[in-house]
PDB file of N, CA and C in Angstrom:
ATOM      1  N   MET A   1     109.144  46.585 -24.262  1.00  0.00           N
ATOM      2  CA  MET A   1     107.895  46.497 -22.799  1.00  0.00           C
ATOM      3  C   MET A   1     108.105  47.606 -22.056  1.00  0.00           C
ATOM      4  N   ARG A   2     106.515  48.209 -21.485  1.00  0.00           N
ATOM      5  CA  ARG A   2     106.224  49.102 -20.389  1.00  0.00           C
ATOM      6  C   ARG A   2     106.506  48.557 -19.030  1.00  0.00           C
ATOM      7  N   ILE A   3     107.670  49.122 -18.443  1.00  0.00           N
ATOM      8  CA  ILE A   3     108.400  48.497 -17.103  1.00  0.00           C
ATOM      9  C   ILE A   3     108.294  49.786 -16.164  1.00  0.00           C
ATOM     10  N   LEU A   4     106.979  50.111 -14.788  1.00  0.00           N
ATOM     11  CA  LEU A   4     106.440  50.531 -13.984  1.00  0.00           C
ATOM     12  C   LEU A   4     107.695  50.142 -12.862  1.00  0.00           C
ATOM     13  N   ILE A   5     109.027  51.174 -12.057  1.00  0.00           N
ATOM     14  CA  ILE A   5     109.320  50.262 -10.767  1.00  0.00           C
ATOM     15  C   ILE A   5     108.864  51.892  -9.530  1.00  0.00           C
ATOM     16  N   VAL A   6     108.391  50.766  -8.460  1.00  0.00           N
ATOM     17  CA  VAL A   6     107.864  51.132  -7.790  1.00  0.00           C
ATOM     18  C   VAL A   6     109.160  51.704  -6.274  1.00  0.00           C
ATOM     19  N   ASP A   7     110.201  52.241  -6.016  1.00  0.00           N
ATOM     20  CA  ASP A   7     110.181  51.992  -4.661  1.00  0.00           C
ATOM     21  C   ASP A   7     111.209  53.358  -4.406  1.00  0.00           C
ATOM     22  N   ASP A   8     109.951  53.483  -3.004  1.00  0.00           N
ATOM     23  CA  ASP A   8     110.500  54.852  -2.264  1.00  0.00           C
ATOM     24  C   ASP A   8     112.112  55.391  -2.511  1.00  0.00           C
ATOM     25  N   SER A   9     113.117  54.378  -2.348  1.00  0.00           N
ATOM     26  CA  SER A   9     114.347  54.997  -2.526  1.00  0.00           C
ATOM     27  C   SER A   9     115.400  55.580  -3.701  1.00  0.00           C
ATOM     28  N   ARG A  10     115.327  56.462  -4.353  1.00  0.00           N
ATOM     29  CA  ARG A  10     115.721  56.881  -5.498  1.00  0.00           C
ATOM     30  C   ARG A  10     116.594  56.180  -6.110  1.00  0.00           C
ATOM     31  N   SER A  11     117.635  56.068  -5.411  1.00  0.00           N
ATOM     32  CA  SER A  11     118.407  55.210  -5.972  1.00  0.00           C
ATOM     33  C   SER A  11     118.689  53.562  -6.622  1.00  0.00           C
ATOM     34  N   MET A  12     118.131  52.872  -5.224  1.00  0.00           N
ATOM     35  CA  MET A  12     117.569  51.515  -6.335  1.00  0.00           C
ATOM     36  C   MET A  12     116.005  51.662  -7.115  1.00  0.00           C
ATOM     37  N   ARG A  13     115.582  52.904  -7.454  1.00  0.00           N
ATOM     38  CA  ARG A  13     114.896  53.140  -8.681  1.00  0.00           C
ATOM     39  C   ARG A  13     116.292  53.331 -10.296  1.00  0.00           C
ATOM     40  N   LEU A  14     117.256  53.903  -9.571  1.00  0.00           N
ATOM     41  CA  LEU A  14     117.897  54.508 -10.570  1.00  0.00           C
ATOM     42  C   LEU A  14     119.162  52.557 -11.147  1.00  0.00           C
ATOM     43  N   ILE A  15     119.584  52.816  -9.758  1.00  0.00           N
ATOM     44  CA  ILE A  15     119.888  51.066  -9.934  1.00  0.00           C
ATOM     45  C   ILE A  15     119.167  50.030 -10.639  1.00  0.00           C
ATOM     46  N   LEU A  16     117.373  49.907 -10.399  1.00  0.00           N
ATOM     47  CA  LEU A  16     117.190  49.297 -12.009  1.00  0.00           C
ATOM     48  C   LEU A  16     116.577  49.242 -12.954  1.00  0.00           C
ATOM     49  N   LYS A  17     116.655  50.742 -13.721  1.00  0.00           N
ATOM     50  CA  LYS A  17     116.397  51.888 -14.484  1.00  0.00           C
ATOM     51  C   LYS A  17     117.725  51.269 -14.911  1.00  0.00           C
ATOM     52  N   ARG A  18     119.393  51.825 -14.668  1.00  0.00           N
ATOM     53  CA  ARG A  18     120.588  51.080 -15.811  1.00  0.00           C
ATOM     54  C   ARG A  18     120.408  49.638 -15.653  1.00  0.00           C
ATOM     55  N   MET A  19     119.365  48.680 -14.943  1.00  0.00           N
ATOM     56  CA  MET A  19     120.397  46.694 -15.266  1.00  0.00           C
ATOM     57  C   MET A  19     119.413  46.761 -16.223  1.00  0.00           C
ATOM     58  N   LEU A  20     118.155  48.194 -16.346  1.00  0.00           N
ATOM     59  CA  LEU A  20     116.857  47.553 -17.418  1.00  0.00           C
ATOM     60  C   LEU A  20     117.344  47.608 -18.416  1.00  0.00           C
ATOM     61  N   ALA A  21     118.558  48.783 -18.933  1.00  0.00           N
ATOM     62  CA  ALA A  21     118.348  49.674 -19.959  1.00  0.00           C
ATOM     63  C   ALA A  21     120.022  48.828 -20.370  1.00  0.00           C
ATOM     64  N   GLU A  22     120.637  48.595 -19.965  1.00  0.00           N
ATOM     65  CA  GLU A  22     121.911  47.040 -20.342  1.00  0.00           C
ATOM     66  C   GLU A  22     120.843  45.983 -20.624  1.00  0.00           C
ATOM     67  N   MET A  23     120.053  45.760 -20.558  1.00  0.00           N
ATOM     68  CA  MET A  23     119.021  44.767 -21.275  1.00  0.00           C
ATOM     69  C   MET A  23     118.701  45.142 -22.837  1.00  0.00           C
ATOM     70  N   GLY A  24     118.324  46.079 -22.003  1.00  0.00           N
ATOM     71  CA  GLY A  24     117.272  47.096 -24.193  1.00  0.00           C
ATOM     72  C   GLY A  24     116.316  46.750 -23.900  1.00  0.00           C
ATOM     73  N   HIS A  25     116.277  47.727 -22.309  1.00  0.00           N
ATOM     74  CA  HIS A  25     114.330  48.153 -22.048  1.00  0.00           C
ATOM     75  C   HIS A  25     114.714  49.642 -21.885  1.00  0.00           C
ATOM     76  N   SER A  26     113.654  50.212 -21.730  1.00  0.00           N
ATOM     77  CA  SER A  26     114.301  51.890 -22.640  1.00  0.00           C
ATOM     78  C   SER A  26     112.923  52.505 -21.266  1.00  0.00           C
ATOM     79  N   ASP A  27     112.170  52.293 -21.869  1.00  0.00           N
ATOM     80  CA  ASP A  27     110.514  52.803 -21.160  1.00  0.00           C
ATOM     81  C   ASP A  27     110.446  51.702 -20.489  1.00  0.00           C
ATOM     82  N   VAL A  28     110.529  52.722 -19.489  1.00  0.00           N
ATOM     83  CA  VAL A  28     110.787  52.749 -18.203  1.00  0.00           C
ATOM     84  C   VAL A  28     109.724  53.675 -17.301  1.00  0.00           C
ATOM     85  N   ALA A  29     108.741  53.835 -16.469  1.00  0.00           N
ATOM     86  CA  ALA A  29     108.885  54.929 -15.368  1.00  0.00           C
ATOM     87  C   ALA A  29     109.655  54.137 -14.031  1.00  0.00           C
ATOM     88  N   GLU A  30     108.770  55.798 -12.753  1.00  0.00           N
ATOM     89  CA  GLU A  30     109.617  55.745 -11.532  1.00  0.00           C
ATOM     90  C   GLU A  30     108.328  56.428 -11.417  1.00  0.00           C
ATOM     91  N   ALA A  31     107.754  55.073  -9.571  1.00  0.00           N
ATOM     92  CA  ALA A  31     106.968  55.656  -9.074  1.00  0.00           C
ATOM     93  C   ALA A  31     107.742  55.354  -7.478  1.00  0.00           C
ATOM     94  N   GLU A  32     108.281  56.974  -6.407  1.00  0.00           N
ATOM     95  CA  GLU A  32     108.280  56.205  -5.406  1.00  0.00           C
ATOM     96  C   GLU A  32     106.530  55.863  -4.249  1.00  0.00           C
ATOM     97  N   ASP A  33     106.132  55.715  -4.237  1.00  0.00           N
ATOM     98  CA  ASP A  33     105.017  54.908  -3.872  1.00  0.00           C
ATOM     99  C   ASP A  33     103.492  54.285  -4.500  1.00  0.00           C
ATOM    100  N   GLY A  34     102.677  53.009  -3.769  1.00  0.00           N
ATOM    101  CA  GLY A  34     102.206  52.493  -4.667  1.00  0.00           C
ATOM    102  C   GLY A  34     100.916  53.980  -4.807  1.00  0.00           C
ATOM    103  N   SER A  35     100.665  54.820  -3.772  1.00  0.00           N
ATOM    104  CA  SER A  35      99.689  55.264  -4.151  1.00  0.00           C
ATOM    105  C   SER A  35     100.129  56.307  -5.607  1.00  0.00           C
ATOM    106  N   VAL A  36     101.617  56.506  -6.111  1.00  0.00           N
ATOM    107  CA  VAL A  36     101.605  57.391  -6.522  1.00  0.00           C
ATOM    108  C   VAL A  36     102.163  56.159  -8.189  1.00  0.00           C
ATOM    109  N   ALA A  37     102.143  55.285  -8.182  1.00  0.00           N
ATOM    110  CA  ALA A  37     102.918  54.052  -8.872  1.00  0.00           C
ATOM    111  C   ALA A  37     100.997  53.521  -9.481  1.00  0.00           C
ATOM    112  N   LEU A  38     100.406  53.911  -8.287  1.00  0.00           N
ATOM    113  CA  LEU A  38      98.397  53.413  -8.716  1.00  0.00           C
ATOM    114  C   LEU A  38      98.087  54.365 -10.130  1.00  0.00           C
ATOM    115  N   SER A  39      98.262  55.694  -9.912  1.00  0.00           N
ATOM    116  CA  SER A  39      98.067  56.427 -10.899  1.00  0.00           C
ATOM    117  C   SER A  39      98.467  56.651 -12.068  1.00  0.00           C
ATOM    118  N   GLN A  40      99.897  55.859 -11.842  1.00  0.00           N
ATOM    119  CA  GLN A  40      99.547  55.987 -13.437  1.00  0.00           C
ATOM    120  C   GLN A  40     100.143  55.354 -13.972  1.00  0.00           C
ATOM    121  N   MET A  41      98.972  53.832 -13.742  1.00  0.00           N
ATOM    122  CA  MET A  41      98.653  52.977 -14.356  1.00  0.00           C
ATOM    123  C   MET A  41      98.090  52.471 -15.020  1.00  0.00           C
ATOM    124  N   ALA A  42      97.645  54.458 -15.426  1.00  0.00           N
ATOM    125  CA  ALA A  42      95.744  53.729 -17.007  1.00  0.00           C
ATOM    126  C   ALA A  42      97.148  54.375 -17.914  1.00  0.00           C
ATOM    127  N   SER A  43      97.754  55.313 -17.125  1.00  0.00           N
ATOM    128  CA  SER A  43      98.440  56.276 -19.012  1.00  0.00           C
ATOM    129  C   SER A  43      99.205  55.804 -19.110  1.00  0.00           C
ATOM    130  N   PHE A  44     101.068  55.304 -17.807  1.00  0.00           N
ATOM    131  CA  PHE A  44     101.395  54.599 -18.521  1.00  0.00           C
ATOM    132  C   PHE A  44     101.545  52.974 -18.391  1.00  0.00           C
ATOM    133  N   LYS A  45      99.891  52.359 -19.284  1.00  0.00           N
ATOM    134  CA  LYS A  45     100.337  51.024 -19.252  1.00  0.00           C
ATOM    135  C   LYS A  45     101.714  50.162 -19.148  1.00  0.00           C
ATOM    136  N   PRO A  46     101.988  50.039 -18.180  1.00  0.00           N
ATOM    137  CA  PRO A  46     103.160  49.198 -17.588  1.00  0.00           C
ATOM    138  C   PRO A  46     103.078  47.636 -17.751  1.00  0.00           C
ATOM    139  N   GLU A  47     103.976  46.862 -18.477  1.00  0.00           N
ATOM    140  CA  GLU A  47     103.128  45.235 -18.792  1.00  0.00           C
ATOM    141  C   GLU A  47     103.641  44.318 -17.976  1.00  0.00           C
ATOM    142  N   LEU A  48     104.020  45.399 -17.188  1.00  0.00           N
ATOM    143  CA  LEU A  48     106.134  44.069 -15.819  1.00  0.00           C
ATOM    144  C   LEU A  48     105.301  45.773 -14.725  1.00  0.00           C
ATOM    145  N   ALA A  49     105.736  45.261 -13.198  1.00  0.00           N
ATOM    146  CA  ALA A  49     105.756  46.539 -12.317  1.00  0.00           C
ATOM    147  C   ALA A  49     106.620  45.508 -11.746  1.00  0.00           C
ATOM    148  N   LEU A  50     108.129  46.312 -10.883  1.00  0.00           N
ATOM    149  CA  LEU A  50     108.848  45.854  -9.678  1.00  0.00           C
ATOM    150  C   LEU A  50     108.979  46.994  -9.573  1.00  0.00           C
ATOM    151  N   VAL A  51     108.568  45.925  -7.756  1.00  0.00           N
ATOM    152  CA  VAL A  51     107.526  46.994  -7.098  1.00  0.00           C
ATOM    153  C   VAL A  51     108.476  46.090  -4.823  1.00  0.00           C
ATOM    154  N   ASP A  52     109.009  47.631  -4.297  1.00  0.00           N
ATOM    155  CA  ASP A  52     109.322  47.332  -3.167  1.00  0.00           C
ATOM    156  C   ASP A  52     107.994  46.971  -2.339  1.00  0.00           C
ATOM    157  N   TRP A  53     108.253  46.619  -1.410  1.00  0.00           N
ATOM    158  CA  TRP A  53     107.455  46.178  -0.064  1.00  0.00           C
ATOM    159  C   TRP A  53     107.675  47.424   1.242  1.00  0.00           C
ATOM    160  N   ASN A  54     108.510  47.786   1.401  1.00  0.00           N
ATOM    161  CA  ASN A  54     108.350  49.215   1.943  1.00  0.00           C
ATOM    162  C   ASN A  54     108.436  50.603   1.518  1.00  0.00           C
ATOM    163  N   MET A  55     107.262  51.234   1.750  1.00  0.00           N
ATOM    164  CA  MET A  55     107.393  52.770   0.962  1.00  0.00           C
ATOM    165  C   MET A  55     106.412  53.351   1.726  1.00  0.00           C
ATOM    166  N   PRO A  56     106.696  55.089   2.259  1.00  0.00           N
ATOM    167  CA  PRO A  56     105.674  54.819   3.433  1.00  0.00           C
ATOM    168  C   PRO A  56     105.017  55.386   1.890  1.00  0.00           C
ATOM    169  N   VAL A  57     102.679  55.565   2.443  1.00  0.00           N
ATOM    170  CA  VAL A  57     102.517  56.052   2.068  1.00  0.00           C
ATOM    171  C   VAL A  57     100.847  54.518   1.469  1.00  0.00           C
ATOM    172  N   MET A  58     101.151  53.583   0.708  1.00  0.00           N
ATOM    173  CA  MET A  58     100.799  52.832  -0.019  1.00  0.00           C
ATOM    174  C   MET A  58     102.115  51.541  -0.006  1.00  0.00           C
ATOM    175  N   ASN A  59     102.532  50.537   0.357  1.00  0.00           N
ATOM    176  CA  ASN A  59     103.202  50.044   0.706  1.00  0.00           C
ATOM    177  C   ASN A  59     103.165  48.940  -0.898  1.00  0.00           C
ATOM    178  N   GLY A  60     103.737  48.024  -0.843  1.00  0.00           N
ATOM    179  CA  GLY A  60     104.036  47.621  -2.022  1.00  0.00           C
ATOM    180  C   GLY A  60     102.990  45.795  -2.011  1.00  0.00           C
ATOM    181  N   LEU A  61     102.570  45.660  -0.814  1.00  0.00           N
ATOM    182  CA  LEU A  61     101.655  44.953  -0.520  1.00  0.00           C
ATOM    183  C   LEU A  61      99.924  45.140  -1.205  1.00  0.00           C
ATOM    184  N   GLU A  62     100.286  46.470  -0.269  1.00  0.00           N
ATOM    185  CA  GLU A  62      98.654  47.373  -0.827  1.00  0.00           C
ATOM    186  C   GLU A  62      98.466  47.308  -2.511  1.00  0.00           C
ATOM    187  N   PHE A  63      99.480  48.311  -2.757  1.00  0.00           N
ATOM    188  CA  PHE A  63      99.853  48.160  -4.187  1.00  0.00           C
ATOM    189  C   PHE A  63      99.266  46.772  -5.921  1.00  0.00           C
ATOM    190  N   VAL A  64      99.560  45.778  -5.035  1.00  0.00           N
ATOM    191  CA  VAL A  64      99.661  44.386  -6.031  1.00  0.00           C
ATOM    192  C   VAL A  64      98.773  43.989  -5.664  1.00  0.00           C
ATOM    193  N   SER A  65      98.367  44.577  -4.515  1.00  0.00           N
ATOM    194  CA  SER A  65      96.438  44.072  -3.788  1.00  0.00           C
ATOM    195  C   SER A  65      95.469  44.625  -5.058  1.00  0.00           C
ATOM    196  N   ALA A  66      95.718  45.940  -4.786  1.00  0.00           N
ATOM    197  CA  ALA A  66      94.474  47.545  -5.441  1.00  0.00           C
ATOM    198  C   ALA A  66      95.020  46.745  -7.226  1.00  0.00           C
ATOM    199  N   ILE A  67      96.403  46.659  -7.824  1.00  0.00           N
ATOM    200  CA  ILE A  67      95.717  46.229  -9.336  1.00  0.00           C
ATOM    201  C   ILE A  67      94.933  44.641  -8.825  1.00  0.00           C
ATOM    202  N   ARG A  68      95.510  44.130  -8.104  1.00  0.00           N
ATOM    203  CA  ARG A  68      94.136  42.911  -8.426  1.00  0.00           C
ATOM    204  C   ARG A  68      93.233  43.081  -8.685  1.00  0.00           C
ATOM    205  N   GLU A  69      92.689  43.468  -7.857  1.00  0.00           N
ATOM    206  CA  GLU A  69      91.337  44.101  -8.556  1.00  0.00           C
ATOM    207  C   GLU A  69      91.063  44.729  -9.213  1.00  0.00           C
ATOM    208  N   SER A  70      91.134  44.834 -10.050  1.00  0.00           N
ATOM    209  CA  SER A  70      90.884  45.771 -11.017  1.00  0.00           C
ATOM    210  C   SER A  70      91.324  44.676 -12.198  1.00  0.00           C
ATOM    211  N   ARG A  71      89.694  43.900 -13.117  1.00  0.00           N
ATOM    212  CA  ARG A  71      90.253  43.951 -14.936  1.00  0.00           C
ATOM    213  C   ARG A  71      91.244  43.832 -15.350  1.00  0.00           C
ATOM    214  N   GLU A  72      91.547  45.199 -15.317  1.00  0.00           N
ATOM    215  CA  GLU A  72      92.479  45.931 -16.349  1.00  0.00           C
ATOM    216  C   GLU A  72      93.508  45.601 -16.125  1.00  0.00           C
ATOM    217  N   TYR A  73      93.874  45.512 -15.023  1.00  0.00           N
ATOM    218  CA  TYR A  73      95.982  44.819 -15.182  1.00  0.00           C
ATOM    219  C   TYR A  73      95.854  43.499 -14.473  1.00  0.00           C
ATOM    220  N   ASP A  74      94.980  42.686 -15.181  1.00  0.00           N
ATOM    221  CA  ASP A  74      94.981  41.262 -14.613  1.00  0.00           C
ATOM    222  C   ASP A  74      96.756  40.907 -15.466  1.00  0.00           C
ATOM    223  N   LYS A  75      96.773  41.077 -17.074  1.00  0.00           N
ATOM    224  CA  LYS A  75      97.767  40.908 -17.279  1.00  0.00           C
ATOM    225  C   LYS A  75      99.396  41.222 -17.000  1.00  0.00           C
ATOM    226  N   VAL A  76      99.154  42.620 -16.198  1.00  0.00           N
ATOM    227  CA  VAL A  76     100.205  43.319 -15.743  1.00  0.00           C
ATOM    228  C   VAL A  76     101.192  41.966 -14.376  1.00  0.00           C
ATOM    229  N   LYS A  77     101.956  41.791 -14.960  1.00  0.00           N
ATOM    230  CA  LYS A  77     103.189  41.350 -14.809  1.00  0.00           C
ATOM    231  C   LYS A  77     104.359  42.026 -12.842  1.00  0.00           C
ATOM    232  N   VAL A  78     104.174  41.038 -11.942  1.00  0.00           N
ATOM    233  CA  VAL A  78     104.564  42.094 -11.358  1.00  0.00           C
ATOM    234  C   VAL A  78     105.110  41.167  -9.692  1.00  0.00           C
ATOM    235  N   MET A  79     106.626  41.905  -9.828  1.00  0.00           N
ATOM    236  CA  MET A  79     107.619  41.413  -9.153  1.00  0.00           C
ATOM    237  C   MET A  79     108.086  41.924  -8.223  1.00  0.00           C
ATOM    238  N   MET A  80     107.636  41.565  -7.277  1.00  0.00           N
ATOM    239  CA  MET A  80     107.981  42.547  -6.285  1.00  0.00           C
ATOM    240  C   MET A  80     109.611  42.032  -5.383  1.00  0.00           C
ATOM    241  N   VAL A  81     110.327  43.207  -5.611  1.00  0.00           N
ATOM    242  CA  VAL A  81     112.015  43.487  -5.326  1.00  0.00           C
ATOM    243  C   VAL A  81     111.729  44.029  -4.022  1.00  0.00           C
ATOM    244  N   THR A  82     112.875  43.157  -3.536  1.00  0.00           N
ATOM    245  CA  THR A  82     112.172  43.564  -1.888  1.00  0.00           C
ATOM    246  C   THR A  82     113.498  42.895  -0.826  1.00  0.00           C
ATOM    247  N   SER A  83     113.719  44.004  -0.244  1.00  0.00           N
ATOM    248  CA  SER A  83     114.921  43.015   1.085  1.00  0.00           C
ATOM    249  C   SER A  83     113.777  42.203   2.149  1.00  0.00           C
ATOM    250  N   GLU A  84     112.839  42.218   1.947  1.00  0.00           N
ATOM    251  CA  GLU A  84     112.141  41.491   3.325  1.00  0.00           C
ATOM    252  C   GLU A  84     112.021  40.328   2.408  1.00  0.00           C
ATOM    253  N   SER A  85     113.172  38.888   3.732  1.00  0.00           N
ATOM    254  CA  SER A  85     112.665  37.996   3.371  1.00  0.00           C
ATOM    255  C   SER A  85     111.976  36.551   4.197  1.00  0.00           C
ATOM    256  N   SER A  86     111.406  36.589   4.447  1.00  0.00           N
ATOM    257  CA  SER A  86     110.714  36.157   5.434  1.00  0.00           C
ATOM    258  C   SER A  86     109.409  35.325   3.855  1.00  0.00           C
ATOM    259  N   PRO A  87     109.964  33.889   5.061  1.00  0.00           N
ATOM    260  CA  PRO A  87     108.881  32.889   4.137  1.00  0.00           C
ATOM    261  C   PRO A  87     107.493  33.310   3.905  1.00  0.00           C
ATOM    262  N   ARG A  88     107.291  34.113   5.203  1.00  0.00           N
ATOM    263  CA  ARG A  88     105.115  33.704   5.523  1.00  0.00           C
ATOM    264  C   ARG A  88     104.900  35.634   4.353  1.00  0.00           C
ATOM    265  N   LEU A  89     105.913  36.056   4.319  1.00  0.00           N
ATOM    266  CA  LEU A  89     105.698  37.317   3.276  1.00  0.00           C
ATOM    267  C   LEU A  89     106.478  37.338   1.836  1.00  0.00           C
ATOM    268  N   VAL A  90     106.921  36.128   1.326  1.00  0.00           N
ATOM    269  CA  VAL A  90     106.833  36.301   0.203  1.00  0.00           C
ATOM    270  C   VAL A  90     105.928  35.292  -0.066  1.00  0.00           C
ATOM    271  N   TYR A  91     104.506  34.463   0.343  1.00  0.00           N
ATOM    272  CA  TYR A  91     103.349  34.097   0.007  1.00  0.00           C
ATOM    273  C   TYR A  91     102.699  34.610   0.168  1.00  0.00           C
ATOM    274  N   GLU A  92     102.713  35.648   1.313  1.00  0.00           N
ATOM    275  CA  GLU A  92     101.361  36.975   1.237  1.00  0.00           C
ATOM    276  C   GLU A  92     101.767  37.749   0.184  1.00  0.00           C
ATOM    277  N   ALA A  93     102.428  38.268  -0.518  1.00  0.00           N
ATOM    278  CA  ALA A  93     102.534  38.277  -1.271  1.00  0.00           C
ATOM    279  C   ALA A  93     101.897  38.088  -2.757  1.00  0.00           C
ATOM    280  N   LEU A  94     102.332  36.601  -2.598  1.00  0.00           N
ATOM    281  CA  LEU A  94     102.159  35.866  -3.990  1.00  0.00           C
ATOM    282  C   LEU A  94     100.767  35.671  -3.908  1.00  0.00           C
ATOM    283  N   LYS A  95     100.479  35.314  -3.081  1.00  0.00           N
ATOM    284  CA  LYS A  95      98.735  35.043  -2.354  1.00  0.00           C
ATOM    285  C   LYS A  95      97.950  36.668  -3.276  1.00  0.00           C
ATOM    286  N   ALA A  96      98.531  38.003  -2.786  1.00  0.00           N
ATOM    287  CA  ALA A  96      97.338  39.049  -3.068  1.00  0.00           C
ATOM    288  C   ALA A  96      97.901  39.530  -4.506  1.00  0.00           C
ATOM    289  N   GLY A  97      98.688  38.476  -5.473  1.00  0.00           N
ATOM    290  CA  GLY A  97      98.794  38.830  -6.770  1.00  0.00           C
ATOM    291  C   GLY A  97     100.163  38.664  -7.603  1.00  0.00           C
ATOM    292  N   ALA A  98     100.714  38.651  -6.655  1.00  0.00           N
ATOM    293  CA  ALA A  98     102.975  38.701  -7.467  1.00  0.00           C
ATOM    294  C   ALA A  98     102.619  37.631  -8.242  1.00  0.00           C
ATOM    295  N   ASP A  99     103.277  37.565  -8.859  1.00  0.00           N
ATOM    296  CA  ASP A  99     103.839  36.633 -10.045  1.00  0.00           C
ATOM    297  C   ASP A  99     104.911  36.108  -9.678  1.00  0.00           C
ATOM    298  N   GLU A 100     106.413  36.822  -9.113  1.00  0.00           N
ATOM    299  CA  GLU A 100     107.973  36.767  -9.431  1.00  0.00           C
ATOM    300  C   GLU A 100     108.107  37.514  -7.908  1.00  0.00           C
ATOM    301  N   TYR A 101     109.094  37.292  -7.462  1.00  0.00           N
ATOM    302  CA  TYR A 101     109.185  37.881  -5.536  1.00  0.00           C
ATOM    303  C   TYR A 101     110.946  38.299  -5.319  1.00  0.00           C
ATOM    304  N   ALA A 102     111.595  38.570  -5.715  1.00  0.00           N
ATOM    305  CA  ALA A 102     113.528  38.805  -5.976  1.00  0.00           C
ATOM    306  C   ALA A 102     113.854  39.506  -4.659  1.00  0.00           C
ATOM    307  N   MET A 103     114.939  39.084  -4.350  1.00  0.00           N
ATOM    308  CA  MET A 103     115.565  39.551  -2.806  1.00  0.00           C
ATOM    309  C   MET A 103     116.513  40.576  -3.217  1.00  0.00           C
ATOM    310  N   LYS A 104     116.448  41.490  -1.845  1.00  0.00           N
ATOM    311  CA  LYS A 104     117.388  42.669  -2.808  1.00  0.00           C
ATOM    312  C   LYS A 104     119.178  42.583  -1.783  1.00  0.00           C
ATOM    313  N   PRO A 105     119.701  42.430  -2.243  1.00  0.00           N
ATOM    314  CA  PRO A 105     120.465  43.449  -3.631  1.00  0.00           C
ATOM    315  C   PRO A 105     120.151  42.259  -4.850  1.00  0.00           C
ATOM    316  N   ILE A 106     119.251  42.814  -5.912  1.00  0.00           N
ATOM    317  CA  ILE A 106     119.648  42.047  -6.123  1.00  0.00           C
ATOM    318  C   ILE A 106     120.631  42.424  -7.949  1.00  0.00           C
ATOM    319  N   THR A 107     120.839  41.646  -8.363  1.00  0.00           N
ATOM    320  CA  THR A 107     121.614  41.457  -9.948  1.00  0.00           C
ATOM    321  C   THR A 107     120.744  41.007 -11.640  1.00  0.00           C
ATOM    322  N   ARG A 108     121.690  42.035 -11.520  1.00  0.00           N
ATOM    323  CA  ARG A 108     121.107  41.955 -13.771  1.00  0.00           C
ATOM    324  C   ARG A 108     120.516  40.124 -13.999  1.00  0.00           C
ATOM    325  N   ASP A 109     121.512  39.762 -13.354  1.00  0.00           N
ATOM    326  CA  ASP A 109     121.310  37.809 -13.725  1.00  0.00           C
ATOM    327  C   ASP A 109     120.154  37.539 -12.940  1.00  0.00           C
ATOM    328  N   VAL A 110     119.861  38.143 -11.842  1.00  0.00           N
ATOM    329  CA  VAL A 110     118.129  37.922 -10.757  1.00  0.00           C
ATOM    330  C   VAL A 110     117.406  37.766 -11.773  1.00  0.00           C
ATOM    331  N   ILE A 111     117.524  39.275 -12.185  1.00  0.00           N
ATOM    332  CA  ILE A 111     116.769  39.988 -13.158  1.00  0.00           C
ATOM    333  C   ILE A 111     116.287  39.228 -14.263  1.00  0.00           C
ATOM    334  N   GLU A 112     116.916  39.266 -15.362  1.00  0.00           N
ATOM    335  CA  GLU A 112     117.217  38.058 -16.167  1.00  0.00           C
ATOM    336  C   GLU A 112     116.946  36.654 -16.504  1.00  0.00           C
ATOM    337  N   GLU A 113     117.142  36.329 -14.451  1.00  0.00           N
ATOM    338  CA  GLU A 113     116.321  34.479 -14.233  1.00  0.00           C
ATOM    339  C   GLU A 113     114.838  35.383 -14.589  1.00  0.00           C
ATOM    340  N   LYS A 114     114.750  36.009 -13.482  1.00  0.00           N
ATOM    341  CA  LYS A 114     112.857  35.930 -13.102  1.00  0.00           C
ATOM    342  C   LYS A 114     112.636  36.388 -14.038  1.00  0.00           C
ATOM    343  N   PHE A 115     113.413  37.516 -15.058  1.00  0.00           N
ATOM    344  CA  PHE A 115     111.972  38.077 -16.276  1.00  0.00           C
ATOM    345  C   PHE A 115     111.383  36.278 -17.367  1.00  0.00           C
ATOM    346  N   MET A 116     112.789  35.450 -17.406  1.00  0.00           N
ATOM    347  CA  MET A 116     112.909  34.367 -18.001  1.00  0.00           C
ATOM    348  C   MET A 116     111.465  33.408 -17.338  1.00  0.00           C
ATOM    349  N   LEU A 117     111.536  33.433 -16.201  1.00  0.00           N
ATOM    350  CA  LEU A 117     110.210  32.819 -15.524  1.00  0.00           C
ATOM    351  C   LEU A 117     108.573  33.041 -15.799  1.00  0.00           C
ATOM    352  N   LEU A 118     109.288  34.604 -16.355  1.00  0.00           N
ATOM    353  CA  LEU A 118     107.581  35.529 -16.181  1.00  0.00           C
ATOM    354  C   LEU A 118     107.751  35.456 -17.809  1.00  0.00           C
ATOM    355  N   GLY A 119     108.392  34.515 -18.582  1.00  0.00           N
ATOM    356  CA  GLY A 119     107.740  34.727 -20.477  1.00  0.00           C
ATOM    357  C   GLY A 119     108.145  36.106 -20.389  1.00  0.00           C
ATOM    358  N   LEU A 120     108.693  36.535 -20.352  1.00  0.00           N
ATOM    359  CA  LEU A 120     108.899  37.898 -20.998  1.00  0.00           C
ATOM    360  C   LEU A 120     110.770  37.974 -21.209  1.00  0.00           C
ATOM    361  N   SER A 121     110.772  38.909 -22.500  1.00  0.00           N
ATOM    362  CA  SER A 121     112.715  39.211 -22.500  1.00  0.00           C
ATOM    363  C   SER A 121     112.659  40.388 -22.450  1.00  0.00           C
TER     364      SER A 121
END
């Protein structure tokens, strides 16, 4: 499975990438903001995007909204992985097109549970 990690924190990208590798997922790309991620969508063709909310240039919500405007990406699963825990913000993310929402700090167990909920292995 091709997975795109979108987070402005290099350390968070590395943590997620390591967890994914431990789960057997090695086809992983990284982007430091939504704009960079958007430019990688066509060439990388991810099946899943793990997206932070607060990023410069284009935040996670803007990224989710942008890819959901294109039918080309309607099968891409999106999981927000963020420290934003307000019920209103969770609702906004899901309304914009996120498929799942996980709070930081995140663990491998949480990722595995969310993957099951998304029908991914």
